[in-house]
Amino acid sequence: MTVTSRFEGRDIARIAVFAALIIALGLVGPIPGPVGVPITAQTLGVMLAGAVLGWRNAAAAVLVVVVLTAVGLPVLAGGRGGLGVFVGPTAGYLLGWIPGAAVVGLIAHAGRCFAWWRVAVGAVVGGIGVIYAIGVPVQALVMGLPLGDALVASAVFLPGDLIKAAVATVLAVALHRAYPVAFPRRTPQPALQAAGE
């Protein structure tokens, strides 16, 4: 099966736009965080991709960024790229973006209507929880740290990630109100279809 038979042209365009957005957010220099830890903006793009595109297209958009990183393009924060990124302490976080974006999308689009609280839960569970669940063990392995120590070291980024989850929620809700066609089409539930007949 070809890529175009799985993804419509509209899907491919939106995947490309969000891959570009994630890359562009990497160009934003680290922002001083609330506890003195710098915050990078790319995970905001991952959360937004899930909230806007849904699970499948969001995972595809992030996969494009990961592939571009692997071929050596400097698409990550700080101009990083290349295979060396995948053996460093942040490799798990980068790979965690793919399932993280998918989980954001699954939760954000789970109901019959788009709700801000589902976006917020998705951003926290997928955009933080899933990424940390993959990133922290890989960081511990690469750095030779006990898992608990790696978790404590990573916890300093949590306030910044919570801020990004809040920003992603606000932006996704505002975009849905202003331009709902950017979001996946919702199929009517069987009961609703029967009522409309």
N, C-alpha and C. Protein backbone atom coordinates (compact mmCIF):
# COMPACT_ATOMS: atom_id res chain seq x y z
N MET A 1 0.85 -1.19 0.00
CA MET A 1 0.00 0.00 0.00
C MET A 1 0.89 1.24 0.00
N THR A 2 0.56 2.19 -0.84
CA THR A 2 1.40 3.38 -0.94
C THR A 2 1.04 4.38 0.15
N VAL A 3 1.96 5.33 0.36
CA VAL A 3 1.73 6.37 1.36
C VAL A 3 0.49 7.17 1.02
N THR A 4 0.31 7.50 -0.27
CA THR A 4 -0.83 8.32 -0.65
C THR A 4 -2.15 7.60 -0.49
N SER A 5 -2.15 6.25 -0.50
CA SER A 5 -3.40 5.54 -0.28
C SER A 5 -3.76 5.51 1.19
N ARG A 6 -2.81 5.69 2.06
CA ARG A 6 -3.08 5.73 3.49
C ARG A 6 -3.38 7.15 3.96
N PHE A 7 -2.75 8.13 3.35
CA PHE A 7 -2.93 9.52 3.74
C PHE A 7 -3.48 10.31 2.57
N GLU A 8 -4.52 11.08 2.80
CA GLU A 8 -5.03 11.97 1.77
C GLU A 8 -4.06 13.13 1.58
N GLY A 9 -4.21 13.84 0.46
CA GLY A 9 -3.35 15.00 0.21
C GLY A 9 -3.44 16.03 1.32
N ARG A 10 -4.66 16.20 1.84
CA ARG A 10 -4.87 17.15 2.95
C ARG A 10 -4.07 16.71 4.18
N ASP A 11 -4.05 15.41 4.45
CA ASP A 11 -3.29 14.89 5.59
C ASP A 11 -1.79 15.15 5.41
N ILE A 12 -1.28 14.87 4.22
CA ILE A 12 0.15 15.05 3.96
C ILE A 12 0.54 16.51 4.13
N ALA A 13 -0.31 17.42 3.67
CA ALA A 13 -0.02 18.84 3.82
C ALA A 13 0.03 19.23 5.29
N ARG A 14 -0.91 18.74 6.08
CA ARG A 14 -0.94 19.08 7.51
C ARG A 14 0.22 18.45 8.26
N ILE A 15 0.60 17.23 7.87
CA ILE A 15 1.77 16.59 8.47
C ILE A 15 3.02 17.43 8.21
N ALA A 16 3.17 17.89 6.96
CA ALA A 16 4.33 18.71 6.60
C ALA A 16 4.34 20.03 7.37
N VAL A 17 3.17 20.65 7.53
CA VAL A 17 3.08 21.92 8.25
C VAL A 17 3.51 21.73 9.71
N PHE A 18 3.05 20.67 10.34
CA PHE A 18 3.38 20.48 11.75
C PHE A 18 4.82 20.00 11.94
N ALA A 19 5.35 19.24 10.99
CA ALA A 19 6.77 18.91 11.06
C ALA A 19 7.60 20.18 10.99
N ALA A 20 7.22 21.08 10.08
CA ALA A 20 7.93 22.36 9.95
C ALA A 20 7.77 23.20 11.21
N LEU A 21 6.59 23.17 11.83
CA LEU A 21 6.37 23.92 13.06
C LEU A 21 7.27 23.41 14.18
N ILE A 22 7.37 22.10 14.33
CA ILE A 22 8.23 21.52 15.37
C ILE A 22 9.68 21.92 15.14
N ILE A 23 10.10 21.88 13.88
CA ILE A 23 11.47 22.29 13.55
C ILE A 23 11.67 23.78 13.84
N ALA A 24 10.71 24.61 13.43
CA ALA A 24 10.81 26.05 13.67
C ALA A 24 10.89 26.36 15.16
N LEU A 25 10.14 25.63 15.98
CA LEU A 25 10.19 25.85 17.43
C LEU A 25 11.56 25.49 18.01
N GLY A 26 12.31 24.65 17.29
CA GLY A 26 13.68 24.35 17.71
C GLY A 26 14.62 25.51 17.50
N LEU A 27 14.22 26.44 16.62
CA LEU A 27 15.06 27.62 16.37
C LEU A 27 14.93 28.65 17.47
N VAL A 28 13.84 28.54 18.26
CA VAL A 28 13.66 29.45 19.39
C VAL A 28 14.68 29.07 20.45
N GLY A 29 15.49 30.02 20.85
CA GLY A 29 16.52 29.75 21.85
C GLY A 29 15.91 29.30 23.16
N PRO A 30 16.68 28.60 24.00
CA PRO A 30 16.15 28.20 25.31
C PRO A 30 15.62 29.40 26.09
N ILE A 31 14.43 29.22 26.67
CA ILE A 31 13.78 30.27 27.45
C ILE A 31 14.04 30.00 28.93
N PRO A 32 14.44 31.00 29.71
CA PRO A 32 14.65 30.74 31.13
C PRO A 32 13.38 30.22 31.78
N GLY A 33 13.50 29.12 32.51
CA GLY A 33 12.34 28.50 33.14
C GLY A 33 12.10 29.03 34.54
N PRO A 34 10.99 28.59 35.16
CA PRO A 34 10.62 29.10 36.47
C PRO A 34 11.57 28.71 37.60
N VAL A 35 12.34 27.64 37.40
CA VAL A 35 13.29 27.24 38.44
C VAL A 35 14.73 27.38 37.94
N GLY A 36 14.92 28.26 36.96
CA GLY A 36 16.26 28.50 36.45
C GLY A 36 16.72 27.49 35.43
N VAL A 37 15.83 26.57 35.02
CA VAL A 37 16.18 25.56 34.02
C VAL A 37 15.65 26.02 32.68
N PRO A 38 16.49 26.06 31.63
CA PRO A 38 16.02 26.55 30.34
C PRO A 38 14.97 25.61 29.73
N ILE A 39 14.00 26.20 29.04
CA ILE A 39 12.93 25.45 28.40
C ILE A 39 13.12 25.57 26.89
N THR A 40 13.05 24.44 26.19
CA THR A 40 13.03 24.47 24.73
C THR A 40 11.58 24.30 24.28
N ALA A 41 11.27 24.78 23.09
CA ALA A 41 9.87 24.87 22.66
C ALA A 41 9.40 23.69 21.82
N GLN A 42 10.28 22.77 21.44
CA GLN A 42 9.86 21.75 20.48
C GLN A 42 8.79 20.81 21.02
N THR A 43 8.81 20.50 22.31
CA THR A 43 7.75 19.62 22.82
C THR A 43 6.39 20.31 22.79
N LEU A 44 6.38 21.63 22.79
CA LEU A 44 5.12 22.35 22.57
C LEU A 44 4.56 21.99 21.20
N GLY A 45 5.42 21.93 20.20
CA GLY A 45 4.99 21.52 18.85
C GLY A 45 4.48 20.10 18.81
N VAL A 46 5.11 19.21 19.58
CA VAL A 46 4.66 17.82 19.65
C VAL A 46 3.25 17.75 20.25
N MET A 47 3.03 18.49 21.34
CA MET A 47 1.71 18.52 21.97
C MET A 47 0.67 19.10 21.02
N LEU A 48 1.01 20.19 20.35
CA LEU A 48 0.07 20.82 19.41
C LEU A 48 -0.26 19.89 18.25
N ALA A 49 0.74 19.17 17.76
CA ALA A 49 0.49 18.23 16.66
C ALA A 49 -0.56 17.20 17.06
N GLY A 50 -0.40 16.63 18.25
CA GLY A 50 -1.38 15.65 18.71
C GLY A 50 -2.75 16.26 18.88
N ALA A 51 -2.81 17.45 19.48
CA ALA A 51 -4.10 18.09 19.77
C ALA A 51 -4.83 18.50 18.49
N VAL A 52 -4.10 18.89 17.47
CA VAL A 52 -4.73 19.37 16.24
C VAL A 52 -4.92 18.25 15.22
N LEU A 53 -3.90 17.43 15.02
CA LEU A 53 -3.92 16.47 13.91
C LEU A 53 -4.58 15.14 14.24
N GLY A 54 -4.68 14.80 15.52
CA GLY A 54 -5.11 13.45 15.86
C GLY A 54 -3.91 12.51 15.91
N TRP A 55 -4.13 11.30 16.40
CA TRP A 55 -2.99 10.42 16.73
C TRP A 55 -2.14 10.04 15.53
N ARG A 56 -2.76 9.64 14.43
CA ARG A 56 -1.99 9.10 13.31
C ARG A 56 -1.16 10.16 12.61
N ASN A 57 -1.79 11.28 12.27
CA ASN A 57 -1.07 12.34 11.56
C ASN A 57 -0.03 13.01 12.46
N ALA A 58 -0.34 13.11 13.77
CA ALA A 58 0.64 13.69 14.69
C ALA A 58 1.88 12.83 14.78
N ALA A 59 1.69 11.51 14.91
CA ALA A 59 2.83 10.60 14.96
C ALA A 59 3.64 10.68 13.67
N ALA A 60 2.95 10.81 12.54
CA ALA A 60 3.65 10.92 11.25
C ALA A 60 4.46 12.21 11.17
N ALA A 61 3.89 13.33 11.65
CA ALA A 61 4.61 14.61 11.63
C ALA A 61 5.89 14.53 12.46
N VAL A 62 5.78 13.92 13.65
CA VAL A 62 6.95 13.79 14.50
C VAL A 62 7.95 12.83 13.88
N LEU A 63 7.47 11.76 13.27
CA LEU A 63 8.37 10.81 12.60
C LEU A 63 9.17 11.50 11.50
N VAL A 64 8.56 12.43 10.78
CA VAL A 64 9.28 13.20 9.75
C VAL A 64 10.45 13.94 10.40
N VAL A 65 10.21 14.58 11.55
CA VAL A 65 11.26 15.32 12.25
C VAL A 65 12.37 14.37 12.69
N VAL A 66 12.00 13.20 13.21
CA VAL A 66 12.99 12.23 13.68
C VAL A 66 13.84 11.73 12.51
N VAL A 67 13.20 11.46 11.38
CA VAL A 67 13.94 10.99 10.19
C VAL A 67 14.88 12.08 9.69
N LEU A 68 14.42 13.31 9.64
CA LEU A 68 15.29 14.42 9.22
C LEU A 68 16.48 14.57 10.16
N THR A 69 16.24 14.34 11.45
CA THR A 69 17.34 14.37 12.43
C THR A 69 18.34 13.27 12.11
N ALA A 70 17.83 12.07 11.83
CA ALA A 70 18.71 10.92 11.57
C ALA A 70 19.57 11.12 10.34
N VAL A 71 19.05 11.81 9.32
CA VAL A 71 19.85 12.01 8.11
C VAL A 71 20.85 13.16 8.26
N GLY A 72 20.83 13.81 9.41
CA GLY A 72 21.87 14.78 9.70
C GLY A 72 21.46 16.24 9.63
N LEU A 73 20.20 16.52 9.34
CA LEU A 73 19.78 17.91 9.29
C LEU A 73 19.70 18.49 10.70
N PRO A 74 20.11 19.73 10.88
CA PRO A 74 20.12 20.33 12.23
C PRO A 74 18.75 20.85 12.64
N VAL A 75 17.81 19.93 12.85
CA VAL A 75 16.42 20.32 13.08
C VAL A 75 16.03 20.35 14.55
N LEU A 76 16.92 19.93 15.44
CA LEU A 76 16.60 19.95 16.86
C LEU A 76 17.10 21.23 17.50
N ALA A 77 16.59 21.51 18.69
CA ALA A 77 17.00 22.71 19.43
C ALA A 77 18.52 22.75 19.54
N GLY A 78 19.07 23.93 19.34
CA GLY A 78 20.52 24.09 19.38
C GLY A 78 21.21 23.67 18.10
N GLY A 79 20.43 23.41 17.03
CA GLY A 79 21.03 23.02 15.75
C GLY A 79 21.59 21.62 15.73
N ARG A 80 21.04 20.76 16.58
CA ARG A 80 21.56 19.38 16.62
C ARG A 80 20.88 18.51 15.57
N GLY A 81 21.60 17.51 15.13
CA GLY A 81 21.09 16.54 14.17
C GLY A 81 22.14 15.47 13.95
N GLY A 82 21.77 14.41 13.25
CA GLY A 82 22.71 13.33 12.98
C GLY A 82 22.47 12.14 13.90
N LEU A 83 23.08 11.03 13.54
CA LEU A 83 22.87 9.78 14.28
C LEU A 83 23.40 9.84 15.71
N GLY A 84 24.36 10.74 15.98
CA GLY A 84 24.89 10.86 17.33
C GLY A 84 23.82 11.23 18.35
N VAL A 85 22.78 11.92 17.91
CA VAL A 85 21.69 12.30 18.81
C VAL A 85 21.01 11.06 19.39
N PHE A 86 21.00 9.97 18.61
CA PHE A 86 20.28 8.77 19.01
C PHE A 86 21.06 7.88 19.97
N VAL A 87 22.27 8.28 20.30
CA VAL A 87 23.03 7.54 21.31
C VAL A 87 23.36 8.43 22.50
N GLY A 88 22.82 9.64 22.53
CA GLY A 88 23.06 10.56 23.62
C GLY A 88 22.00 10.43 24.70
N PRO A 89 22.17 11.17 25.79
CA PRO A 89 21.23 11.05 26.92
C PRO A 89 19.81 11.52 26.62
N THR A 90 19.63 12.32 25.57
CA THR A 90 18.28 12.79 25.24
C THR A 90 17.59 11.94 24.16
N ALA A 91 18.23 10.84 23.75
CA ALA A 91 17.67 10.02 22.67
C ALA A 91 16.28 9.50 23.00
N GLY A 92 16.07 9.07 24.23
CA GLY A 92 14.77 8.53 24.61
C GLY A 92 13.67 9.56 24.56
N TYR A 93 14.01 10.79 24.91
CA TYR A 93 13.01 11.86 24.84
C TYR A 93 12.61 12.10 23.39
N LEU A 94 13.60 12.15 22.50
CA LEU A 94 13.32 12.37 21.09
C LEU A 94 12.45 11.25 20.53
N LEU A 95 12.81 10.00 20.80
CA LEU A 95 12.01 8.88 20.31
C LEU A 95 10.64 8.84 20.98
N GLY A 96 10.57 9.31 22.21
CA GLY A 96 9.30 9.37 22.92
C GLY A 96 8.32 10.37 22.35
N TRP A 97 8.83 11.30 21.54
CA TRP A 97 7.92 12.26 20.90
C TRP A 97 6.88 11.55 20.04
N ILE A 98 7.26 10.45 19.38
CA ILE A 98 6.34 9.79 18.44
C ILE A 98 5.14 9.21 19.17
N PRO A 99 5.34 8.28 20.14
CA PRO A 99 4.15 7.81 20.87
C PRO A 99 3.51 8.90 21.72
N GLY A 100 4.31 9.86 22.19
CA GLY A 100 3.75 10.96 22.98
C GLY A 100 2.74 11.76 22.17
N ALA A 101 3.08 12.12 20.94
CA ALA A 101 2.16 12.86 20.08
C ALA A 101 0.92 12.03 19.78
N ALA A 102 1.11 10.72 19.56
CA ALA A 102 -0.03 9.84 19.28
C ALA A 102 -0.99 9.79 20.47
N VAL A 103 -0.45 9.69 21.68
CA VAL A 103 -1.30 9.63 22.87
C VAL A 103 -2.03 10.95 23.08
N VAL A 104 -1.36 12.08 22.86
CA VAL A 104 -2.05 13.37 22.93
C VAL A 104 -3.25 13.36 21.98
N GLY A 105 -3.02 12.91 20.75
CA GLY A 105 -4.09 12.88 19.77
C GLY A 105 -5.22 11.93 20.15
N LEU A 106 -4.87 10.76 20.66
CA LEU A 106 -5.91 9.80 21.05
C LEU A 106 -6.81 10.36 22.15
N ILE A 107 -6.20 11.01 23.13
CA ILE A 107 -6.99 11.55 24.25
C ILE A 107 -7.76 12.80 23.82
N ALA A 108 -7.09 13.70 23.10
CA ALA A 108 -7.73 14.97 22.72
C ALA A 108 -8.93 14.75 21.81
N HIS A 109 -8.90 13.69 21.00
CA HIS A 109 -9.96 13.45 20.02
C HIS A 109 -10.85 12.26 20.39
N ALA A 110 -10.86 11.90 21.67
CA ALA A 110 -11.59 10.70 22.09
C ALA A 110 -13.10 10.90 22.11
N GLY A 111 -13.57 12.07 22.37
CA GLY A 111 -15.00 12.29 22.51
C GLY A 111 -15.69 12.68 21.23
N ARG A 112 -17.00 12.88 21.34
CA ARG A 112 -17.79 13.29 20.17
C ARG A 112 -17.55 14.75 19.82
N CYS A 113 -17.08 15.54 20.80
CA CYS A 113 -16.79 16.95 20.52
C CYS A 113 -15.42 17.29 21.10
N PHE A 114 -14.86 18.36 20.57
CA PHE A 114 -13.53 18.80 20.98
C PHE A 114 -13.65 19.56 22.31
N ALA A 115 -12.99 19.07 23.36
CA ALA A 115 -13.11 19.68 24.69
C ALA A 115 -11.74 20.07 25.21
N TRP A 116 -11.66 21.27 25.81
CA TRP A 116 -10.37 21.77 26.29
C TRP A 116 -9.76 20.84 27.32
N TRP A 117 -10.57 20.23 28.18
CA TRP A 117 -10.01 19.40 29.25
C TRP A 117 -9.38 18.13 28.70
N ARG A 118 -9.93 17.60 27.59
CA ARG A 118 -9.30 16.42 26.97
C ARG A 118 -7.95 16.80 26.36
N VAL A 119 -7.88 17.99 25.77
CA VAL A 119 -6.60 18.46 25.23
C VAL A 119 -5.58 18.59 26.35
N ALA A 120 -6.00 19.18 27.47
CA ALA A 120 -5.09 19.37 28.61
C ALA A 120 -4.61 18.03 29.16
N VAL A 121 -5.53 17.08 29.34
CA VAL A 121 -5.15 15.75 29.83
C VAL A 121 -4.21 15.07 28.83
N GLY A 122 -4.54 15.17 27.56
CA GLY A 122 -3.68 14.57 26.53
C GLY A 122 -2.28 15.16 26.53
N ALA A 123 -2.21 16.49 26.66
CA ALA A 123 -0.89 17.14 26.65
C ALA A 123 -0.05 16.71 27.84
N VAL A 124 -0.69 16.53 29.00
CA VAL A 124 0.06 16.11 30.19
C VAL A 124 0.43 14.62 30.11
N VAL A 125 -0.55 13.78 29.76
CA VAL A 125 -0.29 12.33 29.74
C VAL A 125 0.66 11.97 28.59
N GLY A 126 0.33 12.43 27.37
CA GLY A 126 1.16 12.08 26.22
C GLY A 126 2.39 12.94 26.07
N GLY A 127 2.18 14.27 26.19
CA GLY A 127 3.28 15.20 25.94
C GLY A 127 4.30 15.27 27.05
N ILE A 128 3.94 14.79 28.24
CA ILE A 128 4.89 14.77 29.35
C ILE A 128 5.11 13.33 29.82
N GLY A 129 4.02 12.67 30.25
CA GLY A 129 4.14 11.34 30.85
C GLY A 129 4.78 10.31 29.94
N VAL A 130 4.27 10.18 28.73
CA VAL A 130 4.81 9.17 27.80
C VAL A 130 6.26 9.49 27.43
N ILE A 131 6.53 10.76 27.18
CA ILE A 131 7.90 11.14 26.79
C ILE A 131 8.88 10.89 27.93
N TYR A 132 8.50 11.24 29.15
CA TYR A 132 9.36 10.96 30.30
C TYR A 132 9.52 9.46 30.52
N ALA A 133 8.45 8.69 30.31
CA ALA A 133 8.50 7.24 30.54
C ALA A 133 9.52 6.57 29.63
N ILE A 134 9.73 7.13 28.45
CA ILE A 134 10.75 6.60 27.54
C ILE A 134 12.08 7.31 27.75
N GLY A 135 12.05 8.61 27.94
CA GLY A 135 13.28 9.40 28.03
C GLY A 135 14.10 9.14 29.27
N VAL A 136 13.44 9.03 30.42
CA VAL A 136 14.19 8.89 31.68
C VAL A 136 14.97 7.58 31.73
N PRO A 137 14.38 6.41 31.41
CA PRO A 137 15.18 5.18 31.44
C PRO A 137 16.36 5.19 30.47
N VAL A 138 16.15 5.79 29.28
CA VAL A 138 17.26 5.87 28.31
C VAL A 138 18.35 6.79 28.84
N GLN A 139 17.95 7.90 29.43
CA GLN A 139 18.94 8.82 30.03
C GLN A 139 19.73 8.11 31.12
N ALA A 140 19.04 7.34 31.97
CA ALA A 140 19.71 6.61 33.05
C ALA A 140 20.70 5.60 32.47
N LEU A 141 20.29 4.90 31.42
CA LEU A 141 21.15 3.90 30.80
C LEU A 141 22.39 4.54 30.18
N VAL A 142 22.19 5.60 29.41
CA VAL A 142 23.31 6.25 28.71
C VAL A 142 24.28 6.90 29.70
N MET A 143 23.74 7.49 30.74
CA MET A 143 24.59 8.21 31.70
C MET A 143 25.06 7.34 32.85
N GLY A 144 24.62 6.08 32.89
CA GLY A 144 25.03 5.19 33.96
C GLY A 144 24.51 5.60 35.32
N LEU A 145 23.28 6.14 35.34
CA LEU A 145 22.68 6.60 36.59
C LEU A 145 21.62 5.62 37.07
N PRO A 146 21.40 5.56 38.38
CA PRO A 146 20.21 4.84 38.85
C PRO A 146 18.97 5.52 38.31
N LEU A 147 17.93 4.74 38.07
CA LEU A 147 16.71 5.29 37.48
C LEU A 147 16.13 6.43 38.33
N GLY A 148 16.17 6.27 39.65
CA GLY A 148 15.65 7.32 40.53
C GLY A 148 16.40 8.62 40.39
N ASP A 149 17.73 8.54 40.26
CA ASP A 149 18.53 9.75 40.10
C ASP A 149 18.23 10.44 38.77
N ALA A 150 18.04 9.64 37.72
CA ALA A 150 17.70 10.22 36.42
C ALA A 150 16.33 10.88 36.47
N LEU A 151 15.40 10.28 37.20
CA LEU A 151 14.07 10.86 37.33
C LEU A 151 14.12 12.18 38.08
N VAL A 152 14.90 12.24 39.14
CA VAL A 152 15.04 13.49 39.90
C VAL A 152 15.68 14.56 39.04
N ALA A 153 16.70 14.17 38.27
CA ALA A 153 17.38 15.14 37.39
C ALA A 153 16.42 15.68 36.34
N SER A 154 15.54 14.83 35.85
CA SER A 154 14.59 15.26 34.81
C SER A 154 13.44 16.07 35.37
N ALA A 155 13.16 15.91 36.66
CA ALA A 155 12.02 16.59 37.27
C ALA A 155 12.15 18.11 37.23
N VAL A 156 13.36 18.63 37.09
CA VAL A 156 13.53 20.08 37.04
C VAL A 156 12.90 20.68 35.78
N PHE A 157 12.68 19.83 34.76
CA PHE A 157 12.06 20.31 33.52
C PHE A 157 10.54 20.27 33.59
N LEU A 158 9.99 19.64 34.63
CA LEU A 158 8.54 19.46 34.72
C LEU A 158 7.77 20.77 34.76
N PRO A 159 8.18 21.78 35.53
CA PRO A 159 7.41 23.04 35.50
C PRO A 159 7.32 23.65 34.10
N GLY A 160 8.42 23.64 33.37
CA GLY A 160 8.40 24.17 32.00
C GLY A 160 7.50 23.35 31.09
N ASP A 161 7.51 22.03 31.27
CA ASP A 161 6.65 21.18 30.44
C ASP A 161 5.18 21.39 30.77
N LEU A 162 4.86 21.63 32.02
CA LEU A 162 3.48 21.93 32.39
C LEU A 162 3.02 23.25 31.78
N ILE A 163 3.92 24.22 31.73
CA ILE A 163 3.60 25.49 31.07
C ILE A 163 3.32 25.25 29.59
N LYS A 164 4.13 24.42 28.95
CA LYS A 164 3.91 24.11 27.53
C LYS A 164 2.59 23.39 27.32
N ALA A 165 2.23 22.49 28.23
CA ALA A 165 0.94 21.79 28.12
C ALA A 165 -0.21 22.79 28.19
N ALA A 166 -0.09 23.77 29.09
CA ALA A 166 -1.14 24.79 29.22
C ALA A 166 -1.20 25.64 27.96
N VAL A 167 -0.06 26.04 27.43
CA VAL A 167 -0.02 26.86 26.21
C VAL A 167 -0.59 26.07 25.03
N ALA A 168 -0.22 24.79 24.92
CA ALA A 168 -0.74 23.95 23.84
C ALA A 168 -2.26 23.85 23.92
N THR A 169 -2.78 23.72 25.13
CA THR A 169 -4.24 23.63 25.30
C THR A 169 -4.92 24.91 24.84
N VAL A 170 -4.40 26.06 25.28
CA VAL A 170 -4.99 27.34 24.90
C VAL A 170 -4.93 27.54 23.39
N LEU A 171 -3.78 27.25 22.79
CA LEU A 171 -3.62 27.44 21.34
C LEU A 171 -4.51 26.50 20.55
N ALA A 172 -4.61 25.23 20.97
CA ALA A 172 -5.43 24.26 20.24
C ALA A 172 -6.91 24.65 20.31
N VAL A 173 -7.37 25.06 21.48
CA VAL A 173 -8.77 25.47 21.63
C VAL A 173 -9.06 26.71 20.79
N ALA A 174 -8.14 27.68 20.82
CA ALA A 174 -8.33 28.90 20.02
C ALA A 174 -8.35 28.58 18.53
N LEU A 175 -7.46 27.69 18.09
CA LEU A 175 -7.43 27.32 16.68
C LEU A 175 -8.69 26.57 16.29
N HIS A 176 -9.18 25.71 17.17
CA HIS A 176 -10.41 24.97 16.87
C HIS A 176 -11.60 25.91 16.71
N ARG A 177 -11.65 26.95 17.54
CA ARG A 177 -12.74 27.92 17.42
C ARG A 177 -12.61 28.75 16.14
N ALA A 178 -11.39 29.14 15.81
CA ALA A 178 -11.17 30.02 14.66
C ALA A 178 -11.16 29.28 13.33
N TYR A 179 -10.66 28.03 13.33
CA TYR A 179 -10.46 27.31 12.07
C TYR A 179 -10.68 25.81 12.28
N PRO A 180 -11.91 25.40 12.53
CA PRO A 180 -12.16 23.99 12.85
C PRO A 180 -11.83 23.01 11.74
N VAL A 181 -11.77 23.48 10.49
CA VAL A 181 -11.46 22.56 9.39
C VAL A 181 -10.01 22.06 9.44
N ALA A 182 -9.17 22.68 10.27
CA ALA A 182 -7.79 22.21 10.43
C ALA A 182 -7.74 20.90 11.20
N PHE A 183 -8.83 20.55 11.86
CA PHE A 183 -8.87 19.37 12.71
C PHE A 183 -9.48 18.19 11.95
N PRO A 184 -9.20 16.97 12.41
CA PRO A 184 -9.77 15.80 11.72
C PRO A 184 -11.29 15.85 11.70
N ARG A 185 -11.85 15.32 10.62
CA ARG A 185 -13.31 15.23 10.53
C ARG A 185 -13.79 14.19 11.54
N ARG A 186 -14.83 14.54 12.24
CA ARG A 186 -15.41 13.60 13.21
C ARG A 186 -16.53 12.82 12.53
N THR A 187 -16.50 11.50 12.68
CA THR A 187 -17.56 10.69 12.12
C THR A 187 -18.71 10.63 13.12
N PRO A 188 -19.93 10.81 12.67
CA PRO A 188 -21.05 10.78 13.62
C PRO A 188 -21.18 9.42 14.29
N GLN A 189 -21.58 9.43 15.54
CA GLN A 189 -21.80 8.18 16.27
C GLN A 189 -23.05 7.49 15.68
N PRO A 190 -23.13 6.14 15.73
CA PRO A 190 -24.28 5.42 15.17
C PRO A 190 -25.61 5.93 15.70
N ALA A 191 -25.70 6.21 17.02
CA ALA A 191 -26.96 6.67 17.60
C ALA A 191 -27.35 8.03 17.01
N LEU A 192 -26.34 8.88 16.80
CA LEU A 192 -26.62 10.19 16.23
C LEU A 192 -27.05 10.07 14.77
N GLN A 193 -26.44 9.11 14.04
CA GLN A 193 -26.83 8.89 12.66
C GLN A 193 -28.28 8.43 12.58
N ALA A 194 -28.64 7.51 13.48
CA ALA A 194 -30.00 6.99 13.47
C ALA A 194 -31.01 8.08 13.79
N ALA A 195 -30.64 8.97 14.73
CA ALA A 195 -31.53 10.06 15.10
C ALA A 195 -31.73 11.03 13.96
N GLY A 196 -30.69 11.16 13.12
CA GLY A 196 -30.77 12.12 12.02
C GLY A 196 -31.50 11.56 10.81
N GLU A 197 -31.75 10.28 10.78
CA GLU A 197 -32.40 9.67 9.62
C GLU A 197 -33.91 9.81 9.70
